Amino acid sequence: MKKIIFIATLFFSLQNYAQKTFEIYNLTGQTVKLWDIITKPNSSATYPEFHSKPFRSITILPGGSFTLENTSNIFKFPFESPASIPYISDWERLNSASSSTALTSPVAWSLSASNSQVFTSLIFEVGTSWNNFTTLPPVPIVQYSAPTYSSLSSTWNLDYDCTNPSPNVWHYTIIIY
């Protein structure tokens, strides 16, 4: 019961941020590794698409969290998130199916394309279980709460919440428990 109250409180209290913020909480007893955070344009366009995968895995210990946030611009996806530990220093920009560019975080942040980017997918491990979570719909247009996503091993669940409190301002929360 305490876990349900904690999760509900977390969801409601975190909705007060007023910028694009991406948060993941690990409430399991296992280590979570994030291998790729993927964004796409908030439109019917497929490209550009950004990936965190050139960086390295981000380890979230049991009870820990990871946040991407940059308060200097409320409209951009936080590719440049200086307070994040670890700091993601590089992103890959897919310009098309056959063309990509490696970018430092400050360069990815400075591009006008970062204004329209929204979170769309995550490749991660819980313990030794590889997983791919893709938001449904791929580009959230209104407030969206996904049904619980369950692992194949049934040892953990994932809750996803995305809110759009004002035009082009997004808050993403993923809780793995």
N, C-alpha and C. Protein backbone atom coordinates (compact mmCIF):
# COMPACT_ATOMS: atom_id res chain seq x y z
N MET A 1 0.82 -1.19 0.00
CA MET A 1 0.00 0.00 0.00
C MET A 1 0.87 1.26 0.00
N LYS A 2 1.97 1.22 0.77
CA LYS A 2 2.85 2.37 0.82
C LYS A 2 3.43 2.67 -0.56
N LYS A 3 3.76 1.61 -1.32
CA LYS A 3 4.33 1.79 -2.65
C LYS A 3 3.32 2.47 -3.58
N ILE A 4 2.06 2.09 -3.51
CA ILE A 4 1.02 2.70 -4.35
C ILE A 4 0.84 4.17 -3.99
N ILE A 5 0.81 4.48 -2.71
CA ILE A 5 0.68 5.87 -2.28
C ILE A 5 1.89 6.67 -2.73
N PHE A 6 3.09 6.09 -2.61
CA PHE A 6 4.31 6.77 -3.05
C PHE A 6 4.27 7.07 -4.54
N ILE A 7 3.88 6.07 -5.34
CA ILE A 7 3.82 6.24 -6.80
C ILE A 7 2.79 7.31 -7.16
N ALA A 8 1.62 7.27 -6.56
CA ALA A 8 0.58 8.26 -6.84
C ALA A 8 1.05 9.66 -6.46
N THR A 9 1.67 9.80 -5.30
CA THR A 9 2.18 11.09 -4.87
C THR A 9 3.25 11.59 -5.83
N LEU A 10 4.12 10.69 -6.25
CA LEU A 10 5.17 11.04 -7.20
C LEU A 10 4.58 11.56 -8.50
N PHE A 11 3.61 10.85 -9.05
CA PHE A 11 2.98 11.27 -10.31
C PHE A 11 2.38 12.66 -10.19
N PHE A 12 1.62 12.90 -9.11
CA PHE A 12 0.92 14.17 -8.98
C PHE A 12 1.86 15.32 -8.63
N SER A 13 2.84 15.07 -7.80
CA SER A 13 3.73 16.16 -7.39
C SER A 13 4.68 16.58 -8.51
N LEU A 14 5.04 15.66 -9.37
CA LEU A 14 5.99 15.98 -10.43
C LEU A 14 5.36 16.71 -11.60
N GLN A 15 4.06 16.84 -11.63
CA GLN A 15 3.40 17.50 -12.74
C GLN A 15 3.52 19.01 -12.66
N ASN A 16 4.13 19.53 -11.61
CA ASN A 16 4.22 20.98 -11.44
C ASN A 16 5.39 21.61 -12.18
N TYR A 17 6.28 20.82 -12.75
CA TYR A 17 7.38 21.38 -13.51
C TYR A 17 6.85 22.06 -14.76
N ALA A 18 7.54 23.10 -15.23
CA ALA A 18 7.05 23.83 -16.40
C ALA A 18 8.08 23.83 -17.52
N GLN A 19 8.70 22.72 -17.77
CA GLN A 19 9.62 22.60 -18.89
C GLN A 19 9.65 21.14 -19.33
N LYS A 20 10.37 20.88 -20.41
CA LYS A 20 10.50 19.49 -20.82
C LYS A 20 11.43 18.82 -19.82
N THR A 21 10.90 17.85 -19.13
CA THR A 21 11.64 17.12 -18.12
C THR A 21 11.41 15.64 -18.34
N PHE A 22 12.47 14.85 -18.24
CA PHE A 22 12.41 13.41 -18.44
C PHE A 22 12.96 12.76 -17.18
N GLU A 23 12.14 11.93 -16.51
CA GLU A 23 12.56 11.32 -15.26
C GLU A 23 12.28 9.82 -15.27
N ILE A 24 13.21 9.06 -14.70
CA ILE A 24 13.02 7.63 -14.53
C ILE A 24 13.35 7.28 -13.09
N TYR A 25 12.45 6.52 -12.46
CA TYR A 25 12.63 6.07 -11.08
C TYR A 25 12.71 4.55 -11.06
N ASN A 26 13.69 4.03 -10.35
CA ASN A 26 13.85 2.58 -10.19
C ASN A 26 13.43 2.18 -8.79
N LEU A 27 12.25 1.60 -8.68
CA LEU A 27 11.76 1.15 -7.37
C LEU A 27 11.84 -0.36 -7.25
N THR A 28 12.62 -0.99 -8.13
CA THR A 28 12.81 -2.44 -8.05
C THR A 28 13.98 -2.74 -7.12
N GLY A 29 14.22 -3.99 -6.88
CA GLY A 29 15.38 -4.42 -6.11
C GLY A 29 16.55 -4.75 -7.03
N GLN A 30 16.41 -4.42 -8.33
CA GLN A 30 17.44 -4.74 -9.32
C GLN A 30 18.00 -3.46 -9.93
N THR A 31 19.19 -3.55 -10.49
CA THR A 31 19.79 -2.43 -11.19
C THR A 31 19.11 -2.25 -12.53
N VAL A 32 18.83 -1.00 -12.89
CA VAL A 32 18.27 -0.66 -14.20
C VAL A 32 19.37 0.04 -14.99
N LYS A 33 19.57 -0.37 -16.25
CA LYS A 33 20.52 0.29 -17.13
C LYS A 33 19.77 0.85 -18.33
N LEU A 34 19.94 2.15 -18.56
CA LEU A 34 19.35 2.80 -19.72
C LEU A 34 20.38 2.78 -20.83
N TRP A 35 20.04 2.18 -21.97
CA TRP A 35 20.98 2.08 -23.08
C TRP A 35 20.70 3.10 -24.18
N ASP A 36 19.46 3.52 -24.33
CA ASP A 36 19.15 4.48 -25.39
C ASP A 36 17.85 5.20 -25.06
N ILE A 37 17.91 6.52 -24.99
CA ILE A 37 16.74 7.38 -24.86
C ILE A 37 16.52 7.96 -26.25
N ILE A 38 15.32 7.79 -26.79
CA ILE A 38 15.06 8.17 -28.18
C ILE A 38 13.96 9.23 -28.24
N THR A 39 14.21 10.27 -29.05
CA THR A 39 13.20 11.31 -29.27
C THR A 39 12.90 11.43 -30.76
N LYS A 40 11.72 11.95 -31.05
CA LYS A 40 11.29 12.22 -32.43
C LYS A 40 10.58 13.56 -32.46
N PRO A 41 10.35 14.12 -33.66
CA PRO A 41 9.61 15.38 -33.73
C PRO A 41 8.16 15.20 -33.27
N ASN A 42 7.61 16.24 -32.69
CA ASN A 42 6.21 16.23 -32.28
C ASN A 42 5.34 16.60 -33.49
N SER A 43 5.39 15.75 -34.50
CA SER A 43 4.63 15.94 -35.74
C SER A 43 4.59 14.60 -36.44
N SER A 44 4.10 14.59 -37.65
CA SER A 44 4.07 13.34 -38.41
C SER A 44 5.43 13.03 -39.03
N ALA A 45 6.39 13.94 -38.92
CA ALA A 45 7.73 13.72 -39.47
C ALA A 45 8.45 12.59 -38.72
N THR A 46 9.26 11.85 -39.44
CA THR A 46 10.04 10.78 -38.83
C THR A 46 11.39 11.29 -38.35
N TYR A 47 11.97 12.25 -39.05
CA TYR A 47 13.30 12.75 -38.74
C TYR A 47 13.27 14.26 -38.54
N PRO A 48 14.21 14.81 -37.76
CA PRO A 48 15.34 14.12 -37.14
C PRO A 48 14.91 13.35 -35.90
N GLU A 49 15.66 12.31 -35.61
CA GLU A 49 15.47 11.47 -34.43
C GLU A 49 16.77 11.54 -33.64
N PHE A 50 16.69 11.67 -32.33
CA PHE A 50 17.88 11.76 -31.49
C PHE A 50 17.99 10.52 -30.60
N HIS A 51 19.23 10.04 -30.41
CA HIS A 51 19.51 8.87 -29.58
C HIS A 51 20.63 9.19 -28.59
N SER A 52 20.49 8.71 -27.37
CA SER A 52 21.55 8.89 -26.38
C SER A 52 22.58 7.76 -26.45
N LYS A 53 22.38 6.79 -27.31
CA LYS A 53 23.21 5.58 -27.32
C LYS A 53 24.70 5.76 -27.58
N PRO A 54 25.16 6.82 -28.25
CA PRO A 54 26.62 6.91 -28.39
C PRO A 54 27.31 7.16 -27.06
N PHE A 55 26.55 7.55 -26.06
CA PHE A 55 27.11 7.87 -24.75
C PHE A 55 27.61 6.60 -24.07
N ARG A 56 26.86 5.98 -23.26
CA ARG A 56 27.10 4.70 -22.60
C ARG A 56 25.87 4.41 -21.76
N SER A 57 25.83 3.26 -21.15
CA SER A 57 24.64 2.98 -20.35
C SER A 57 24.61 3.88 -19.11
N ILE A 58 23.41 4.16 -18.67
CA ILE A 58 23.19 4.93 -17.45
C ILE A 58 22.65 3.95 -16.42
N THR A 59 23.37 3.78 -15.33
CA THR A 59 22.99 2.82 -14.30
C THR A 59 22.16 3.51 -13.22
N ILE A 60 21.00 2.93 -12.94
CA ILE A 60 20.15 3.43 -11.86
C ILE A 60 20.03 2.31 -10.84
N LEU A 61 20.62 2.51 -9.69
CA LEU A 61 20.60 1.50 -8.63
C LEU A 61 19.20 1.40 -8.03
N PRO A 62 18.90 0.29 -7.34
CA PRO A 62 17.60 0.16 -6.69
C PRO A 62 17.30 1.36 -5.80
N GLY A 63 16.11 1.93 -5.95
CA GLY A 63 15.72 3.11 -5.18
C GLY A 63 16.21 4.42 -5.77
N GLY A 64 16.96 4.37 -6.87
CA GLY A 64 17.53 5.57 -7.46
C GLY A 64 16.69 6.14 -8.58
N SER A 65 17.19 7.23 -9.17
CA SER A 65 16.47 7.89 -10.27
C SER A 65 17.47 8.55 -11.20
N PHE A 66 16.96 8.96 -12.36
CA PHE A 66 17.75 9.71 -13.35
C PHE A 66 16.84 10.76 -13.96
N THR A 67 17.35 11.98 -14.09
CA THR A 67 16.55 13.09 -14.61
C THR A 67 17.32 13.85 -15.68
N LEU A 68 16.63 14.18 -16.77
CA LEU A 68 17.13 15.12 -17.77
C LEU A 68 16.28 16.37 -17.64
N GLU A 69 16.94 17.51 -17.44
CA GLU A 69 16.20 18.76 -17.24
C GLU A 69 17.12 19.93 -17.53
N ASN A 70 16.60 20.94 -18.20
CA ASN A 70 17.33 22.18 -18.42
C ASN A 70 16.33 23.31 -18.30
N THR A 71 16.47 24.11 -17.25
CA THR A 71 15.48 25.15 -16.96
C THR A 71 15.71 26.43 -17.76
N SER A 72 16.76 26.50 -18.56
CA SER A 72 17.03 27.74 -19.29
C SER A 72 16.14 27.92 -20.52
N ASN A 73 15.47 26.85 -20.96
CA ASN A 73 14.54 26.98 -22.07
C ASN A 73 13.43 25.95 -21.86
N ILE A 74 12.20 26.41 -21.71
CA ILE A 74 11.10 25.50 -21.38
C ILE A 74 10.61 24.70 -22.58
N PHE A 75 11.04 25.04 -23.79
CA PHE A 75 10.51 24.38 -24.98
C PHE A 75 11.40 23.29 -25.55
N LYS A 76 12.65 23.25 -25.20
CA LYS A 76 13.58 22.29 -25.79
C LYS A 76 13.64 20.99 -24.99
N PHE A 77 13.79 19.86 -25.71
CA PHE A 77 14.04 18.62 -25.00
C PHE A 77 15.40 18.76 -24.33
N PRO A 78 15.57 18.31 -23.08
CA PRO A 78 16.81 18.58 -22.32
C PRO A 78 18.01 17.71 -22.74
N PHE A 79 18.43 17.86 -24.02
CA PHE A 79 19.63 17.15 -24.46
C PHE A 79 20.84 17.61 -23.66
N GLU A 80 20.87 18.88 -23.32
CA GLU A 80 21.92 19.45 -22.46
C GLU A 80 21.32 19.56 -21.06
N SER A 81 21.72 18.65 -20.19
CA SER A 81 21.18 18.59 -18.83
C SER A 81 22.36 18.57 -17.86
N PRO A 82 22.92 19.74 -17.58
CA PRO A 82 24.18 19.81 -16.81
C PRO A 82 24.12 19.23 -15.41
N ALA A 83 22.95 19.17 -14.79
CA ALA A 83 22.86 18.65 -13.43
C ALA A 83 22.68 17.13 -13.39
N SER A 84 22.49 16.50 -14.54
CA SER A 84 22.28 15.05 -14.57
C SER A 84 23.54 14.30 -14.19
N ILE A 85 23.36 13.25 -13.41
CA ILE A 85 24.47 12.38 -13.04
C ILE A 85 24.07 10.97 -13.41
N PRO A 86 24.74 10.35 -14.40
CA PRO A 86 25.83 10.92 -15.16
C PRO A 86 25.33 11.92 -16.21
N TYR A 87 26.21 12.78 -16.62
CA TYR A 87 25.93 13.77 -17.65
C TYR A 87 26.05 13.09 -19.01
N ILE A 88 25.04 13.22 -19.85
CA ILE A 88 25.11 12.66 -21.21
C ILE A 88 25.82 13.69 -22.07
N SER A 89 27.03 13.37 -22.51
CA SER A 89 27.84 14.34 -23.24
C SER A 89 27.62 14.31 -24.75
N ASP A 90 27.06 13.22 -25.27
CA ASP A 90 26.91 13.08 -26.72
C ASP A 90 25.55 12.49 -27.08
N TRP A 91 25.03 12.92 -28.22
CA TRP A 91 23.78 12.40 -28.78
C TRP A 91 24.03 12.09 -30.25
N GLU A 92 23.26 11.18 -30.77
CA GLU A 92 23.32 10.88 -32.21
C GLU A 92 22.03 11.41 -32.83
N ARG A 93 22.19 12.19 -33.90
CA ARG A 93 21.03 12.72 -34.63
C ARG A 93 20.89 11.91 -35.91
N LEU A 94 19.75 11.23 -36.07
CA LEU A 94 19.46 10.54 -37.32
C LEU A 94 18.75 11.54 -38.22
N ASN A 95 19.39 11.86 -39.35
CA ASN A 95 18.82 12.80 -40.30
C ASN A 95 17.90 12.11 -41.28
N SER A 96 18.16 10.81 -41.51
CA SER A 96 17.35 9.96 -42.39
C SER A 96 17.67 8.52 -42.02
N ALA A 97 17.11 7.58 -42.73
CA ALA A 97 17.39 6.17 -42.44
C ALA A 97 18.84 5.81 -42.71
N SER A 98 19.52 6.60 -43.52
CA SER A 98 20.91 6.27 -43.88
C SER A 98 21.93 7.34 -43.50
N SER A 99 21.52 8.35 -42.76
CA SER A 99 22.43 9.44 -42.43
C SER A 99 22.30 9.80 -40.95
N SER A 100 23.44 9.86 -40.26
CA SER A 100 23.44 10.27 -38.85
C SER A 100 24.62 11.18 -38.57
N THR A 101 24.50 11.94 -37.49
CA THR A 101 25.53 12.88 -37.09
C THR A 101 25.73 12.75 -35.59
N ALA A 102 26.98 12.64 -35.15
CA ALA A 102 27.29 12.64 -33.72
C ALA A 102 27.38 14.09 -33.26
N LEU A 103 26.71 14.39 -32.16
CA LEU A 103 26.66 15.76 -31.64
C LEU A 103 27.00 15.78 -30.15
N THR A 104 27.69 16.82 -29.72
CA THR A 104 27.84 17.00 -28.28
C THR A 104 26.50 17.49 -27.73
N SER A 105 26.28 17.34 -26.45
CA SER A 105 25.02 17.77 -25.85
C SER A 105 24.74 19.26 -26.06
N PRO A 106 25.75 20.15 -25.87
CA PRO A 106 25.46 21.57 -26.12
C PRO A 106 25.04 21.86 -27.56
N VAL A 107 25.63 21.15 -28.52
CA VAL A 107 25.25 21.36 -29.92
C VAL A 107 23.84 20.84 -30.17
N ALA A 108 23.52 19.64 -29.67
CA ALA A 108 22.17 19.09 -29.82
C ALA A 108 21.15 20.04 -29.20
N TRP A 109 21.49 20.59 -28.05
CA TRP A 109 20.61 21.52 -27.34
C TRP A 109 20.39 22.80 -28.15
N SER A 110 21.41 23.28 -28.83
CA SER A 110 21.33 24.56 -29.54
C SER A 110 20.55 24.47 -30.85
N LEU A 111 20.36 23.29 -31.40
CA LEU A 111 19.66 23.16 -32.67
C LEU A 111 18.18 23.52 -32.54
N SER A 112 17.65 24.16 -33.55
CA SER A 112 16.22 24.50 -33.51
C SER A 112 15.36 23.24 -33.50
N ALA A 113 15.89 22.13 -34.03
CA ALA A 113 15.14 20.87 -34.04
C ALA A 113 14.84 20.36 -32.64
N SER A 114 15.63 20.78 -31.66
CA SER A 114 15.39 20.29 -30.29
C SER A 114 14.11 20.87 -29.70
N ASN A 115 13.60 21.96 -30.28
CA ASN A 115 12.33 22.53 -29.80
C ASN A 115 11.17 21.57 -30.00
N SER A 116 11.18 20.84 -31.10
CA SER A 116 10.03 20.00 -31.42
C SER A 116 10.18 18.55 -30.97
N GLN A 117 11.28 18.20 -30.34
CA GLN A 117 11.52 16.81 -29.97
C GLN A 117 10.72 16.40 -28.73
N VAL A 118 10.15 15.18 -28.81
CA VAL A 118 9.45 14.59 -27.67
C VAL A 118 9.97 13.18 -27.46
N PHE A 119 9.95 12.73 -26.22
CA PHE A 119 10.38 11.37 -25.90
C PHE A 119 9.48 10.37 -26.61
N THR A 120 10.11 9.32 -27.17
CA THR A 120 9.30 8.31 -27.84
C THR A 120 9.66 6.88 -27.47
N SER A 121 10.91 6.60 -27.06
CA SER A 121 11.27 5.21 -26.81
C SER A 121 12.47 5.12 -25.87
N LEU A 122 12.58 3.94 -25.25
CA LEU A 122 13.67 3.70 -24.30
C LEU A 122 14.10 2.24 -24.43
N ILE A 123 15.40 2.04 -24.57
CA ILE A 123 15.96 0.68 -24.56
C ILE A 123 16.70 0.56 -23.23
N PHE A 124 16.36 -0.48 -22.45
CA PHE A 124 16.90 -0.58 -21.10
C PHE A 124 16.95 -2.02 -20.63
N GLU A 125 17.65 -2.22 -19.52
CA GLU A 125 17.72 -3.52 -18.84
C GLU A 125 17.19 -3.36 -17.42
N VAL A 126 16.48 -4.36 -16.96
CA VAL A 126 16.15 -4.48 -15.54
C VAL A 126 16.82 -5.78 -15.12
N GLY A 127 17.83 -5.68 -14.26
CA GLY A 127 18.65 -6.86 -13.96
C GLY A 127 19.35 -7.29 -15.24
N THR A 128 19.03 -8.46 -15.74
CA THR A 128 19.64 -8.93 -16.99
C THR A 128 18.59 -9.05 -18.11
N SER A 129 17.41 -8.48 -17.90
CA SER A 129 16.32 -8.56 -18.87
C SER A 129 16.34 -7.33 -19.77
N TRP A 130 16.58 -7.53 -21.10
CA TRP A 130 16.57 -6.42 -22.07
C TRP A 130 15.14 -6.08 -22.44
N ASN A 131 14.85 -4.78 -22.60
CA ASN A 131 13.50 -4.32 -22.89
C ASN A 131 13.51 -3.11 -23.80
N ASN A 132 12.43 -2.95 -24.54
CA ASN A 132 12.24 -1.78 -25.39
C ASN A 132 10.85 -1.24 -25.08
N PHE A 133 10.78 -0.05 -24.51
CA PHE A 133 9.50 0.59 -24.22
C PHE A 133 9.28 1.70 -25.22
N THR A 134 8.19 1.65 -25.97
CA THR A 134 7.83 2.70 -26.92
C THR A 134 6.48 3.26 -26.50
N THR A 135 6.39 4.58 -26.44
CA THR A 135 5.15 5.20 -26.02
C THR A 135 4.06 4.96 -27.06
N LEU A 136 2.84 4.87 -26.58
CA LEU A 136 1.68 4.72 -27.46
C LEU A 136 0.70 5.82 -27.12
N PRO A 137 0.33 6.69 -28.00
CA PRO A 137 0.79 6.83 -29.37
C PRO A 137 2.25 7.26 -29.41
N PRO A 138 2.95 7.05 -30.54
CA PRO A 138 4.37 7.38 -30.60
C PRO A 138 4.67 8.83 -30.26
N VAL A 139 3.83 9.75 -30.66
CA VAL A 139 4.01 11.16 -30.32
C VAL A 139 2.79 11.59 -29.51
N PRO A 140 2.96 11.76 -28.19
CA PRO A 140 1.80 12.12 -27.38
C PRO A 140 1.34 13.54 -27.69
N ILE A 141 0.08 13.69 -28.02
CA ILE A 141 -0.46 15.01 -28.36
C ILE A 141 -1.22 15.60 -27.17
N VAL A 142 -1.80 14.76 -26.35
CA VAL A 142 -2.53 15.21 -25.17
C VAL A 142 -1.99 14.45 -23.97
N GLN A 143 -2.46 14.79 -22.80
CA GLN A 143 -2.01 14.05 -21.62
C GLN A 143 -2.26 12.57 -21.83
N TYR A 144 -1.27 11.78 -21.48
CA TYR A 144 -1.35 10.36 -21.77
C TYR A 144 -0.77 9.56 -20.62
N SER A 145 -1.49 8.59 -20.16
CA SER A 145 -0.97 7.65 -19.18
C SER A 145 -1.08 6.26 -19.78
N ALA A 146 0.05 5.60 -19.91
CA ALA A 146 0.06 4.27 -20.51
C ALA A 146 -0.42 3.25 -19.51
N PRO A 147 -0.99 2.17 -20.00
CA PRO A 147 -1.27 1.08 -19.07
C PRO A 147 0.06 0.52 -18.56
N THR A 148 0.02 -0.23 -17.50
CA THR A 148 1.23 -0.81 -16.96
C THR A 148 1.87 -1.72 -17.99
N TYR A 149 3.16 -1.55 -18.18
CA TYR A 149 3.94 -2.37 -19.09
C TYR A 149 4.63 -3.42 -18.24
N SER A 150 4.41 -4.69 -18.50
CA SER A 150 4.98 -5.74 -17.66
C SER A 150 6.11 -6.45 -18.38
N SER A 151 7.09 -6.87 -17.63
CA SER A 151 8.21 -7.61 -18.20
C SER A 151 7.79 -9.04 -18.49
N LEU A 152 8.59 -9.71 -19.31
CA LEU A 152 8.32 -11.11 -19.60
C LEU A 152 8.53 -11.99 -18.37
N SER A 153 9.41 -11.56 -17.49
CA SER A 153 9.70 -12.37 -16.31
C SER A 153 8.70 -12.13 -15.18
N SER A 154 7.87 -11.12 -15.33
CA SER A 154 6.86 -10.76 -14.33
C SER A 154 7.48 -10.40 -12.98
N THR A 155 8.72 -9.94 -12.98
CA THR A 155 9.34 -9.54 -11.73
C THR A 155 9.32 -8.04 -11.53
N TRP A 156 8.85 -7.30 -12.52
CA TRP A 156 8.77 -5.84 -12.41
C TRP A 156 7.71 -5.31 -13.37
N ASN A 157 7.29 -4.07 -13.14
CA ASN A 157 6.33 -3.37 -14.00
C ASN A 157 6.86 -1.99 -14.31
N LEU A 158 6.28 -1.35 -15.32
CA LEU A 158 6.67 0.00 -15.71
C LEU A 158 5.41 0.82 -15.88
N ASP A 159 5.37 1.98 -15.23
CA ASP A 159 4.29 2.94 -15.44
C ASP A 159 4.88 4.16 -16.13
N TYR A 160 4.16 4.69 -17.11
CA TYR A 160 4.61 5.84 -17.89
C TYR A 160 3.53 6.91 -17.84
N ASP A 161 3.96 8.14 -17.63
CA ASP A 161 3.03 9.25 -17.63
C ASP A 161 3.65 10.40 -18.42
N CYS A 162 2.86 11.00 -19.30
CA CYS A 162 3.32 12.15 -20.07
C CYS A 162 2.25 13.22 -20.00
N THR A 163 2.65 14.41 -19.60
CA THR A 163 1.70 15.51 -19.57
C THR A 163 2.22 16.65 -20.44
N ASN A 164 1.29 17.41 -20.97
CA ASN A 164 1.57 18.54 -21.84
C ASN A 164 0.83 19.75 -21.27
N PRO A 165 1.37 20.38 -20.19
CA PRO A 165 0.63 21.42 -19.49
C PRO A 165 0.41 22.70 -20.30
N SER A 166 1.26 22.94 -21.30
CA SER A 166 1.08 24.09 -22.18
C SER A 166 1.75 23.75 -23.51
N PRO A 167 1.48 24.52 -24.56
CA PRO A 167 2.04 24.17 -25.86
C PRO A 167 3.55 23.95 -25.84
N ASN A 168 3.97 22.83 -26.37
CA ASN A 168 5.38 22.45 -26.51
C ASN A 168 6.12 22.28 -25.19
N VAL A 169 5.40 22.13 -24.09
CA VAL A 169 6.01 21.87 -22.79
C VAL A 169 5.57 20.47 -22.37
N TRP A 170 6.54 19.59 -22.08
CA TRP A 170 6.25 18.19 -21.80
C TRP A 170 6.93 17.76 -20.51
N HIS A 171 6.26 16.86 -19.82
CA HIS A 171 6.87 16.25 -18.62
C HIS A 171 6.67 14.76 -18.73
N TYR A 172 7.78 14.01 -18.74
CA TYR A 172 7.75 12.56 -18.89
C TYR A 172 8.21 11.92 -17.59
N THR A 173 7.46 10.94 -17.12
CA THR A 173 7.85 10.21 -15.91
C THR A 173 7.70 8.73 -16.17
N ILE A 174 8.75 7.97 -15.90
CA ILE A 174 8.74 6.52 -16.00
C ILE A 174 9.10 5.98 -14.63
N ILE A 175 8.25 5.09 -14.12
CA ILE A 175 8.52 4.45 -12.84
C ILE A 175 8.59 2.94 -13.08
N ILE A 176 9.73 2.36 -12.75
CA ILE A 176 9.91 0.91 -12.87
C ILE A 176 9.85 0.36 -11.45
N TYR A 177 8.94 -0.58 -11.22
CA TYR A 177 8.76 -1.11 -9.87
C TYR A 177 8.48 -2.60 -9.88
